[in-house]
């Protein structure tokens, strides 16, 4: 994959069929999400619109006109005190795994979230055996902060959740502008 052939950009409504298919494949075949049933396109549109309405990024990675993955950030929790703390989500098409695409998507997502004033990014990684996601996050400066043992039941087995965290911008070193 050459840099010239890859485009990471904000998503558009036209990306929804591809995004829905990518997430659906991950729901049905992977342990990175603990959803058991793949959402339909209208539900994915609602999720995307919710993220965008908060001024948060939803990005896609495209090569030769095909969407190969997507990443977005959302507030870790809905309470106002969490407004500077985000959680990332990154999903790739089956044929896009292992090409460094997840790292590129996450790096761009981090930069956009930092520019928007976020101070902390959390990774809530489904499955402690998800070494690809854990490695990508570690490469980009995330540190492990805990494991929730046997937090989910999928594919007839218990799955852990790995928690990782990265400070963005000034992190906790200064009072944010919107502290009130």
N, C-alpha and C. Protein backbone atom coordinates (compact mmCIF):
# COMPACT_ATOMS: atom_id res chain seq x y z
N UNK A 1 0.85 -1.17 0.00
CA UNK A 1 0.00 0.00 0.00
C UNK A 1 0.89 1.23 0.00
N UNK A 2 0.71 2.07 -0.96
CA UNK A 2 1.48 3.31 -1.01
C UNK A 2 0.66 4.42 -0.37
N UNK A 3 1.38 5.42 0.16
CA UNK A 3 0.70 6.55 0.80
C UNK A 3 -0.22 7.26 -0.19
N UNK A 4 0.19 7.32 -1.45
CA UNK A 4 -0.61 8.02 -2.46
C UNK A 4 -1.93 7.31 -2.74
N UNK A 5 -1.97 6.00 -2.53
CA UNK A 5 -3.20 5.27 -2.85
C UNK A 5 -4.18 5.22 -1.69
N UNK A 6 -3.79 5.70 -0.53
CA UNK A 6 -4.64 5.65 0.65
C UNK A 6 -5.11 7.05 1.01
N UNK A 7 -6.39 7.17 1.31
CA UNK A 7 -6.96 8.44 1.72
C UNK A 7 -7.70 8.22 3.03
N UNK A 8 -7.34 8.98 4.06
CA UNK A 8 -8.09 8.98 5.32
C UNK A 8 -8.83 10.31 5.35
N UNK A 9 -10.14 10.21 5.47
CA UNK A 9 -10.98 11.41 5.35
C UNK A 9 -12.20 11.29 6.24
N UNK A 10 -12.88 12.42 6.47
CA UNK A 10 -14.15 12.35 7.20
C UNK A 10 -15.16 11.52 6.42
N UNK A 11 -15.97 10.78 7.13
CA UNK A 11 -16.97 9.95 6.46
C UNK A 11 -18.10 10.82 5.91
N UNK A 12 -18.78 10.27 4.95
CA UNK A 12 -19.97 10.89 4.38
C UNK A 12 -21.10 9.86 4.42
N UNK A 13 -22.33 10.29 4.22
CA UNK A 13 -23.44 9.32 4.18
C UNK A 13 -23.24 8.24 3.12
N UNK A 14 -22.52 8.55 2.06
CA UNK A 14 -22.27 7.56 1.01
C UNK A 14 -21.42 6.39 1.50
N UNK A 15 -20.71 6.57 2.62
CA UNK A 15 -19.86 5.51 3.17
C UNK A 15 -20.63 4.49 3.99
N UNK A 16 -21.88 4.80 4.32
CA UNK A 16 -22.62 3.95 5.25
C UNK A 16 -22.77 2.49 4.82
N UNK A 17 -23.02 2.18 3.55
CA UNK A 17 -23.09 0.76 3.20
C UNK A 17 -21.78 0.02 3.50
N UNK A 18 -20.65 0.63 3.18
CA UNK A 18 -19.37 -0.02 3.44
C UNK A 18 -19.09 -0.12 4.94
N UNK A 19 -19.35 0.96 5.67
CA UNK A 19 -19.13 0.96 7.12
C UNK A 19 -20.01 -0.11 7.79
N UNK A 20 -21.26 -0.20 7.36
CA UNK A 20 -22.17 -1.19 7.92
C UNK A 20 -21.67 -2.60 7.63
N UNK A 21 -21.19 -2.83 6.43
CA UNK A 21 -20.67 -4.16 6.08
C UNK A 21 -19.41 -4.49 6.88
N UNK A 22 -18.52 -3.53 7.05
CA UNK A 22 -17.29 -3.75 7.81
C UNK A 22 -17.63 -4.09 9.26
N UNK A 23 -18.49 -3.28 9.86
CA UNK A 23 -18.83 -3.54 11.26
C UNK A 23 -19.58 -4.87 11.39
N UNK A 24 -20.49 -5.13 10.46
CA UNK A 24 -21.23 -6.39 10.49
C UNK A 24 -20.31 -7.59 10.45
N UNK A 25 -19.29 -7.54 9.60
CA UNK A 25 -18.33 -8.64 9.53
C UNK A 25 -17.62 -8.79 10.88
N UNK A 26 -17.23 -7.68 11.48
CA UNK A 26 -16.54 -7.73 12.78
C UNK A 26 -17.45 -8.25 13.88
N UNK A 27 -18.73 -7.89 13.87
CA UNK A 27 -19.67 -8.41 14.87
C UNK A 27 -19.79 -9.91 14.73
N UNK A 28 -19.95 -10.39 13.51
CA UNK A 28 -20.20 -11.82 13.28
C UNK A 28 -18.96 -12.69 13.34
N UNK A 29 -17.78 -12.10 13.17
CA UNK A 29 -16.56 -12.91 13.08
C UNK A 29 -15.48 -12.55 14.09
N UNK A 30 -15.60 -11.45 14.78
CA UNK A 30 -14.52 -10.99 15.65
C UNK A 30 -14.94 -10.80 17.09
N UNK A 31 -13.95 -10.59 17.92
CA UNK A 31 -14.19 -10.37 19.34
C UNK A 31 -13.81 -8.95 19.77
N UNK A 32 -13.52 -8.09 18.81
CA UNK A 32 -13.21 -6.70 19.12
C UNK A 32 -14.43 -5.92 19.55
N UNK A 33 -15.61 -6.39 19.19
CA UNK A 33 -16.86 -5.82 19.67
C UNK A 33 -17.65 -6.94 20.34
N UNK A 34 -18.36 -6.58 21.37
CA UNK A 34 -19.16 -7.59 22.07
C UNK A 34 -20.61 -7.59 21.60
N UNK A 35 -20.91 -6.83 20.55
CA UNK A 35 -22.25 -6.93 19.98
C UNK A 35 -22.41 -8.32 19.39
N UNK A 36 -23.62 -8.86 19.49
CA UNK A 36 -23.89 -10.20 19.00
C UNK A 36 -24.68 -10.20 17.70
N UNK A 37 -25.36 -9.10 17.41
CA UNK A 37 -26.13 -8.97 16.18
C UNK A 37 -25.67 -7.71 15.45
N UNK A 38 -25.42 -7.84 14.18
CA UNK A 38 -24.94 -6.71 13.39
C UNK A 38 -26.06 -5.69 13.18
N UNK A 39 -25.79 -4.42 13.44
CA UNK A 39 -26.81 -3.40 13.19
C UNK A 39 -27.00 -3.16 11.70
N UNK A 40 -28.18 -2.67 11.35
CA UNK A 40 -28.45 -2.36 9.96
C UNK A 40 -27.94 -0.95 9.62
N UNK A 41 -28.07 -0.60 8.37
CA UNK A 41 -27.56 0.69 7.90
C UNK A 41 -28.22 1.89 8.58
N UNK A 42 -29.56 1.90 8.78
CA UNK A 42 -30.15 3.03 9.50
C UNK A 42 -29.59 3.19 10.92
N UNK A 43 -29.34 2.08 11.59
CA UNK A 43 -28.76 2.16 12.94
C UNK A 43 -27.34 2.72 12.88
N UNK A 44 -26.55 2.27 11.93
CA UNK A 44 -25.18 2.81 11.79
C UNK A 44 -25.23 4.29 11.45
N UNK A 45 -26.21 4.72 10.66
CA UNK A 45 -26.37 6.15 10.36
C UNK A 45 -26.68 6.94 11.63
N UNK A 46 -27.54 6.39 12.48
CA UNK A 46 -27.85 7.06 13.76
C UNK A 46 -26.60 7.19 14.63
N UNK A 47 -25.82 6.12 14.68
CA UNK A 47 -24.59 6.15 15.49
C UNK A 47 -23.61 7.19 14.96
N UNK A 48 -23.44 7.21 13.65
CA UNK A 48 -22.54 8.18 13.02
C UNK A 48 -23.02 9.60 13.27
N UNK A 49 -24.30 9.83 13.07
CA UNK A 49 -24.86 11.17 13.27
C UNK A 49 -24.71 11.63 14.71
N UNK A 50 -24.86 10.71 15.67
CA UNK A 50 -24.69 11.04 17.08
C UNK A 50 -23.27 11.52 17.36
N UNK A 51 -22.29 10.81 16.83
CA UNK A 51 -20.88 11.19 17.02
C UNK A 51 -20.63 12.56 16.38
N UNK A 52 -21.05 12.72 15.15
CA UNK A 52 -20.80 13.98 14.44
C UNK A 52 -21.52 15.16 15.09
N UNK A 53 -22.69 14.92 15.68
CA UNK A 53 -23.44 16.01 16.32
C UNK A 53 -22.70 16.55 17.55
N UNK A 54 -21.79 15.79 18.08
CA UNK A 54 -20.99 16.21 19.24
C UNK A 54 -19.69 16.89 18.81
N UNK A 55 -19.50 17.05 17.50
CA UNK A 55 -18.28 17.66 17.00
C UNK A 55 -17.08 16.73 17.05
N UNK A 56 -17.34 15.43 17.10
CA UNK A 56 -16.27 14.44 17.18
C UNK A 56 -16.05 13.81 15.80
N UNK A 57 -14.84 13.32 15.54
CA UNK A 57 -14.55 12.78 14.21
C UNK A 57 -15.05 11.36 13.99
N UNK A 58 -15.44 11.09 12.76
CA UNK A 58 -15.73 9.75 12.24
C UNK A 58 -15.02 9.71 10.90
N UNK A 59 -13.97 8.91 10.82
CA UNK A 59 -13.10 8.87 9.65
C UNK A 59 -13.23 7.55 8.92
N UNK A 60 -12.94 7.57 7.64
CA UNK A 60 -12.83 6.34 6.85
C UNK A 60 -11.48 6.31 6.15
N UNK A 61 -11.02 5.10 5.90
CA UNK A 61 -9.81 4.90 5.09
C UNK A 61 -10.27 4.31 3.77
N UNK A 62 -9.85 4.96 2.71
CA UNK A 62 -10.30 4.58 1.37
C UNK A 62 -9.08 4.36 0.47
N UNK A 63 -9.17 3.33 -0.34
CA UNK A 63 -8.15 3.10 -1.36
C UNK A 63 -8.86 2.72 -2.65
N UNK A 64 -8.52 3.43 -3.72
CA UNK A 64 -9.12 3.17 -5.04
C UNK A 64 -10.64 3.17 -4.97
N UNK A 65 -11.20 4.08 -4.19
CA UNK A 65 -12.65 4.23 -4.09
C UNK A 65 -13.34 3.26 -3.15
N UNK A 66 -12.60 2.34 -2.54
CA UNK A 66 -13.19 1.36 -1.63
C UNK A 66 -12.88 1.72 -0.18
N UNK A 67 -13.90 1.74 0.66
CA UNK A 67 -13.70 1.99 2.09
C UNK A 67 -13.21 0.69 2.72
N UNK A 68 -12.03 0.77 3.36
CA UNK A 68 -11.40 -0.42 3.95
C UNK A 68 -11.47 -0.44 5.46
N UNK A 69 -11.82 0.68 6.05
CA UNK A 69 -11.91 0.72 7.51
C UNK A 69 -12.44 2.07 7.95
N UNK A 70 -12.74 2.14 9.23
CA UNK A 70 -13.22 3.41 9.77
C UNK A 70 -12.83 3.50 11.24
N UNK A 71 -12.82 4.74 11.72
CA UNK A 71 -12.49 5.00 13.12
C UNK A 71 -13.29 6.21 13.58
N UNK A 72 -13.69 6.18 14.83
CA UNK A 72 -14.38 7.33 15.40
C UNK A 72 -14.09 7.40 16.89
N UNK A 73 -14.39 8.55 17.45
CA UNK A 73 -14.27 8.75 18.89
C UNK A 73 -15.62 9.19 19.43
N UNK A 74 -15.89 8.77 20.64
CA UNK A 74 -17.09 9.21 21.31
C UNK A 74 -16.76 9.44 22.77
N UNK A 75 -17.61 10.15 23.47
CA UNK A 75 -17.36 10.37 24.90
C UNK A 75 -17.37 9.04 25.62
N UNK A 76 -16.46 8.89 26.57
CA UNK A 76 -16.37 7.65 27.33
C UNK A 76 -17.68 7.37 28.08
N UNK A 77 -18.24 8.38 28.67
CA UNK A 77 -19.51 8.31 29.36
C UNK A 77 -20.29 9.59 29.06
N UNK A 78 -21.62 9.57 29.18
CA UNK A 78 -22.41 10.75 28.79
C UNK A 78 -22.38 11.91 29.79
N UNK A 79 -21.96 11.69 31.00
CA UNK A 79 -21.97 12.78 31.98
C UNK A 79 -20.98 13.86 31.60
N UNK A 80 -21.35 15.11 31.91
CA UNK A 80 -20.56 16.28 31.50
C UNK A 80 -19.11 16.23 32.00
N UNK A 81 -18.87 15.69 33.15
CA UNK A 81 -17.51 15.63 33.69
C UNK A 81 -16.56 14.85 32.78
N UNK A 82 -17.11 13.97 31.95
CA UNK A 82 -16.29 13.17 31.03
C UNK A 82 -16.04 13.86 29.69
N UNK A 83 -16.41 15.12 29.53
CA UNK A 83 -16.37 15.75 28.21
C UNK A 83 -15.00 15.85 27.58
N UNK A 84 -13.92 15.69 28.35
CA UNK A 84 -12.57 15.75 27.80
C UNK A 84 -11.96 14.35 27.61
N UNK A 85 -12.74 13.33 27.94
CA UNK A 85 -12.26 11.94 27.89
C UNK A 85 -13.05 11.18 26.83
N UNK A 86 -12.35 10.70 25.83
CA UNK A 86 -12.97 10.01 24.70
C UNK A 86 -12.56 8.55 24.67
N UNK A 87 -13.34 7.77 23.94
CA UNK A 87 -13.03 6.36 23.68
C UNK A 87 -12.95 6.18 22.17
N UNK A 88 -11.92 5.49 21.72
CA UNK A 88 -11.78 5.27 20.28
C UNK A 88 -12.39 3.94 19.85
N UNK A 89 -12.77 3.89 18.59
CA UNK A 89 -13.23 2.66 17.95
C UNK A 89 -12.61 2.61 16.56
N UNK A 90 -12.03 1.48 16.22
CA UNK A 90 -11.41 1.29 14.91
C UNK A 90 -11.82 -0.09 14.39
N UNK A 91 -12.34 -0.13 13.19
CA UNK A 91 -12.74 -1.39 12.57
C UNK A 91 -12.24 -1.43 11.14
N UNK A 92 -11.77 -2.61 10.75
CA UNK A 92 -11.23 -2.81 9.40
C UNK A 92 -11.98 -3.91 8.68
N UNK A 93 -12.03 -3.80 7.36
CA UNK A 93 -12.55 -4.88 6.53
C UNK A 93 -11.61 -6.08 6.66
N UNK A 94 -12.16 -7.26 6.48
CA UNK A 94 -11.36 -8.47 6.63
C UNK A 94 -10.12 -8.46 5.73
N UNK A 95 -10.25 -7.93 4.52
CA UNK A 95 -9.12 -7.93 3.58
C UNK A 95 -8.15 -6.78 3.82
N UNK A 96 -8.40 -5.95 4.83
CA UNK A 96 -7.53 -4.80 5.11
C UNK A 96 -6.69 -5.00 6.37
N UNK A 97 -6.87 -6.09 7.05
CA UNK A 97 -6.15 -6.33 8.31
C UNK A 97 -4.68 -6.64 8.02
N UNK A 98 -3.82 -6.24 8.95
CA UNK A 98 -2.40 -6.55 8.85
C UNK A 98 -1.62 -5.69 7.88
N UNK A 99 -2.17 -4.56 7.45
CA UNK A 99 -1.50 -3.70 6.48
C UNK A 99 -1.09 -2.35 7.07
N UNK A 100 -1.28 -2.18 8.38
CA UNK A 100 -0.94 -0.92 9.01
C UNK A 100 -2.04 0.12 8.93
N UNK A 101 -3.16 -0.25 8.39
CA UNK A 101 -4.28 0.68 8.20
C UNK A 101 -4.89 1.12 9.53
N UNK A 102 -5.01 0.21 10.47
CA UNK A 102 -5.55 0.55 11.78
C UNK A 102 -4.70 1.59 12.48
N UNK A 103 -3.40 1.47 12.38
CA UNK A 103 -2.49 2.44 13.00
C UNK A 103 -2.65 3.81 12.36
N UNK A 104 -2.76 3.85 11.04
CA UNK A 104 -2.93 5.13 10.35
C UNK A 104 -4.25 5.79 10.70
N UNK A 105 -5.32 5.01 10.74
CA UNK A 105 -6.63 5.56 11.12
C UNK A 105 -6.61 6.09 12.54
N UNK A 106 -6.04 5.31 13.46
CA UNK A 106 -6.01 5.72 14.86
C UNK A 106 -5.14 6.96 15.05
N UNK A 107 -4.01 7.03 14.37
CA UNK A 107 -3.13 8.20 14.49
C UNK A 107 -3.86 9.47 14.04
N UNK A 108 -4.58 9.39 12.94
CA UNK A 108 -5.33 10.55 12.46
C UNK A 108 -6.47 10.89 13.42
N UNK A 109 -7.13 9.88 13.93
CA UNK A 109 -8.20 10.12 14.89
C UNK A 109 -7.66 10.83 16.13
N UNK A 110 -6.52 10.38 16.65
CA UNK A 110 -5.92 11.00 17.82
C UNK A 110 -5.59 12.47 17.56
N UNK A 111 -5.02 12.75 16.40
CA UNK A 111 -4.65 14.13 16.06
C UNK A 111 -5.89 15.01 16.01
N UNK A 112 -6.96 14.52 15.42
CA UNK A 112 -8.19 15.33 15.32
C UNK A 112 -8.86 15.52 16.67
N UNK A 113 -8.81 14.52 17.50
CA UNK A 113 -9.40 14.64 18.84
C UNK A 113 -8.60 15.61 19.70
N UNK A 114 -7.30 15.55 19.60
CA UNK A 114 -6.44 16.48 20.34
C UNK A 114 -6.71 17.91 19.87
N UNK A 115 -6.81 18.11 18.57
CA UNK A 115 -7.09 19.44 18.03
C UNK A 115 -8.45 19.96 18.49
N UNK A 116 -9.38 19.05 18.77
CA UNK A 116 -10.71 19.44 19.23
C UNK A 116 -10.76 19.68 20.74
N UNK A 117 -9.64 19.49 21.43
CA UNK A 117 -9.58 19.79 22.85
C UNK A 117 -9.69 18.61 23.79
N UNK A 118 -9.73 17.39 23.25
CA UNK A 118 -9.78 16.21 24.12
C UNK A 118 -8.46 16.09 24.89
N UNK A 119 -8.54 15.59 26.10
CA UNK A 119 -7.36 15.46 26.96
C UNK A 119 -6.95 14.02 27.24
N UNK A 120 -7.90 13.09 27.12
CA UNK A 120 -7.60 11.67 27.38
C UNK A 120 -8.32 10.83 26.33
N UNK A 121 -7.64 9.77 25.89
CA UNK A 121 -8.27 8.81 24.99
C UNK A 121 -8.16 7.44 25.64
N UNK A 122 -9.29 6.77 25.70
CA UNK A 122 -9.34 5.41 26.24
C UNK A 122 -9.56 4.43 25.11
N UNK A 123 -8.93 3.29 25.26
CA UNK A 123 -9.19 2.15 24.37
C UNK A 123 -9.82 1.07 25.24
N UNK A 124 -11.00 0.65 24.86
CA UNK A 124 -11.71 -0.42 25.55
C UNK A 124 -11.72 -1.58 24.56
N UNK A 125 -10.71 -2.44 24.67
CA UNK A 125 -10.44 -3.45 23.65
C UNK A 125 -11.07 -4.78 24.03
N UNK A 126 -11.98 -5.22 23.18
CA UNK A 126 -12.60 -6.52 23.40
C UNK A 126 -11.59 -7.63 23.14
N UNK A 127 -11.47 -8.54 24.12
CA UNK A 127 -10.67 -9.75 24.01
C UNK A 127 -9.18 -9.50 24.26
N UNK A 128 -8.69 -10.02 25.35
CA UNK A 128 -7.27 -9.87 25.68
C UNK A 128 -6.37 -10.60 24.69
N UNK A 129 -6.94 -11.43 23.84
CA UNK A 129 -6.16 -12.08 22.78
C UNK A 129 -6.14 -11.24 21.50
N UNK A 130 -6.73 -10.07 21.52
CA UNK A 130 -6.78 -9.18 20.36
C UNK A 130 -5.44 -8.43 20.27
N UNK A 131 -4.39 -9.17 19.97
CA UNK A 131 -3.03 -8.63 20.00
C UNK A 131 -2.80 -7.55 18.96
N UNK A 132 -3.51 -7.60 17.85
CA UNK A 132 -3.36 -6.56 16.83
C UNK A 132 -3.79 -5.21 17.36
N UNK A 133 -4.96 -5.15 17.96
CA UNK A 133 -5.46 -3.89 18.49
C UNK A 133 -4.61 -3.41 19.68
N UNK A 134 -4.26 -4.32 20.55
CA UNK A 134 -3.42 -3.95 21.69
C UNK A 134 -2.09 -3.40 21.20
N UNK A 135 -1.49 -4.05 20.21
CA UNK A 135 -0.21 -3.60 19.66
C UNK A 135 -0.30 -2.25 18.98
N UNK A 136 -1.36 -2.02 18.22
CA UNK A 136 -1.54 -0.72 17.54
C UNK A 136 -1.65 0.39 18.58
N UNK A 137 -2.44 0.16 19.60
CA UNK A 137 -2.59 1.17 20.64
C UNK A 137 -1.27 1.41 21.37
N UNK A 138 -0.55 0.35 21.69
CA UNK A 138 0.73 0.50 22.37
C UNK A 138 1.72 1.28 21.49
N UNK A 139 1.75 0.99 20.21
CA UNK A 139 2.64 1.69 19.28
C UNK A 139 2.37 3.19 19.26
N UNK A 140 1.11 3.57 19.45
CA UNK A 140 0.73 4.98 19.41
C UNK A 140 0.73 5.63 20.80
N UNK A 141 1.35 4.98 21.77
CA UNK A 141 1.56 5.60 23.08
C UNK A 141 0.53 5.30 24.15
N UNK A 142 -0.39 4.41 23.89
CA UNK A 142 -1.34 4.02 24.92
C UNK A 142 -0.64 3.11 25.93
N UNK A 143 -1.06 3.25 27.18
CA UNK A 143 -0.51 2.41 28.25
C UNK A 143 -1.64 1.56 28.82
N UNK A 144 -1.32 0.30 29.17
CA UNK A 144 -2.35 -0.54 29.80
C UNK A 144 -2.73 0.02 31.17
N UNK A 145 -4.03 0.03 31.46
CA UNK A 145 -4.49 0.50 32.77
C UNK A 145 -5.33 -0.54 33.49
N UNK A 146 -5.63 -1.65 32.83
CA UNK A 146 -6.37 -2.70 33.52
C UNK A 146 -7.00 -3.70 32.57
N UNK A 147 -7.47 -4.77 33.17
CA UNK A 147 -8.18 -5.81 32.43
C UNK A 147 -9.43 -6.17 33.22
N UNK A 148 -10.54 -6.17 32.54
CA UNK A 148 -11.78 -6.66 33.14
C UNK A 148 -11.91 -8.12 32.72
N UNK A 149 -11.71 -9.00 33.64
CA UNK A 149 -11.72 -10.44 33.35
C UNK A 149 -13.12 -10.95 33.06
N UNK A 150 -13.23 -11.78 32.05
CA UNK A 150 -14.47 -12.47 31.70
C UNK A 150 -15.67 -11.52 31.69
N UNK A 151 -15.51 -10.37 31.07
CA UNK A 151 -16.55 -9.35 31.05
C UNK A 151 -17.62 -9.61 30.00
N UNK A 152 -17.29 -10.40 28.99
CA UNK A 152 -18.25 -10.66 27.92
C UNK A 152 -18.28 -12.14 27.54
N UNK A 153 -19.43 -12.58 27.03
CA UNK A 153 -19.61 -13.96 26.59
C UNK A 153 -19.97 -13.92 25.11
N UNK A 154 -19.07 -14.42 24.28
CA UNK A 154 -19.29 -14.43 22.84
C UNK A 154 -18.58 -15.64 22.26
N UNK A 155 -19.15 -16.22 21.26
CA UNK A 155 -18.60 -17.41 20.60
C UNK A 155 -18.34 -18.53 21.61
N UNK A 156 -19.26 -18.65 22.54
CA UNK A 156 -19.24 -19.74 23.54
C UNK A 156 -18.00 -19.73 24.43
N UNK A 157 -17.53 -18.50 24.70
CA UNK A 157 -16.40 -18.39 25.63
C UNK A 157 -16.41 -17.02 26.30
N UNK A 158 -15.75 -16.95 27.45
CA UNK A 158 -15.60 -15.70 28.17
C UNK A 158 -14.49 -14.89 27.55
N UNK A 159 -14.72 -13.59 27.47
CA UNK A 159 -13.74 -12.68 26.90
C UNK A 159 -13.43 -11.57 27.88
N UNK A 160 -12.14 -11.26 27.97
CA UNK A 160 -11.70 -10.14 28.79
C UNK A 160 -11.85 -8.83 28.01
N UNK A 161 -11.77 -7.72 28.73
CA UNK A 161 -11.71 -6.40 28.13
C UNK A 161 -10.42 -5.75 28.62
N UNK A 162 -9.59 -5.30 27.69
CA UNK A 162 -8.33 -4.64 28.02
C UNK A 162 -8.56 -3.13 27.94
N UNK A 163 -8.16 -2.44 28.99
CA UNK A 163 -8.28 -0.98 29.04
C UNK A 163 -6.90 -0.37 28.86
N UNK A 164 -6.81 0.61 27.95
CA UNK A 164 -5.57 1.33 27.71
C UNK A 164 -5.91 2.82 27.65
N UNK A 165 -4.91 3.66 27.93
CA UNK A 165 -5.16 5.10 27.99
C UNK A 165 -3.97 5.86 27.46
N UNK A 166 -4.28 7.01 26.83
CA UNK A 166 -3.25 7.91 26.32
C UNK A 166 -3.69 9.35 26.60
N UNK A 167 -2.77 10.14 27.14
CA UNK A 167 -3.03 11.57 27.32
C UNK A 167 -2.91 12.26 25.97
N UNK A 168 -3.78 13.22 25.74
CA UNK A 168 -3.74 14.03 24.52
C UNK A 168 -3.42 15.47 24.90
N UNK A 169 -2.69 16.15 24.06
CA UNK A 169 -2.37 17.55 24.31
C UNK A 169 -1.69 17.72 25.66
N UNK A 170 -2.22 18.61 26.47
CA UNK A 170 -1.65 18.85 27.79
C UNK A 170 -2.16 17.87 28.84
N UNK A 171 -2.98 16.93 28.43
CA UNK A 171 -3.46 15.92 29.37
C UNK A 171 -4.06 16.56 30.60
N UNK A 172 -3.63 16.11 31.76
CA UNK A 172 -4.15 16.62 33.03
C UNK A 172 -3.25 17.70 33.62
N UNK A 173 -2.29 18.20 32.84
CA UNK A 173 -1.32 19.17 33.37
C UNK A 173 -1.87 20.58 33.54
N UNK A 174 -2.93 20.92 32.83
CA UNK A 174 -3.50 22.26 32.94
C UNK A 174 -5.02 22.19 32.99
N UNK A 175 -5.62 23.25 33.44
CA UNK A 175 -7.07 23.35 33.47
C UNK A 175 -7.57 23.61 32.05
N UNK A 176 -8.55 22.82 31.59
CA UNK A 176 -9.06 23.06 30.23
C UNK A 176 -9.80 24.39 30.14
N UNK A 177 -9.84 24.94 28.96
CA UNK A 177 -10.51 26.22 28.72
C UNK A 177 -11.98 26.14 29.12
N UNK A 178 -12.62 25.02 28.79
CA UNK A 178 -14.05 24.83 29.05
C UNK A 178 -14.25 24.09 30.37
N UNK A 179 -13.56 24.50 31.43
CA UNK A 179 -13.62 23.79 32.70
C UNK A 179 -14.90 24.07 33.47
N UNK A 180 -15.60 25.12 33.16
CA UNK A 180 -16.80 25.47 33.92
C UNK A 180 -17.97 24.56 33.57
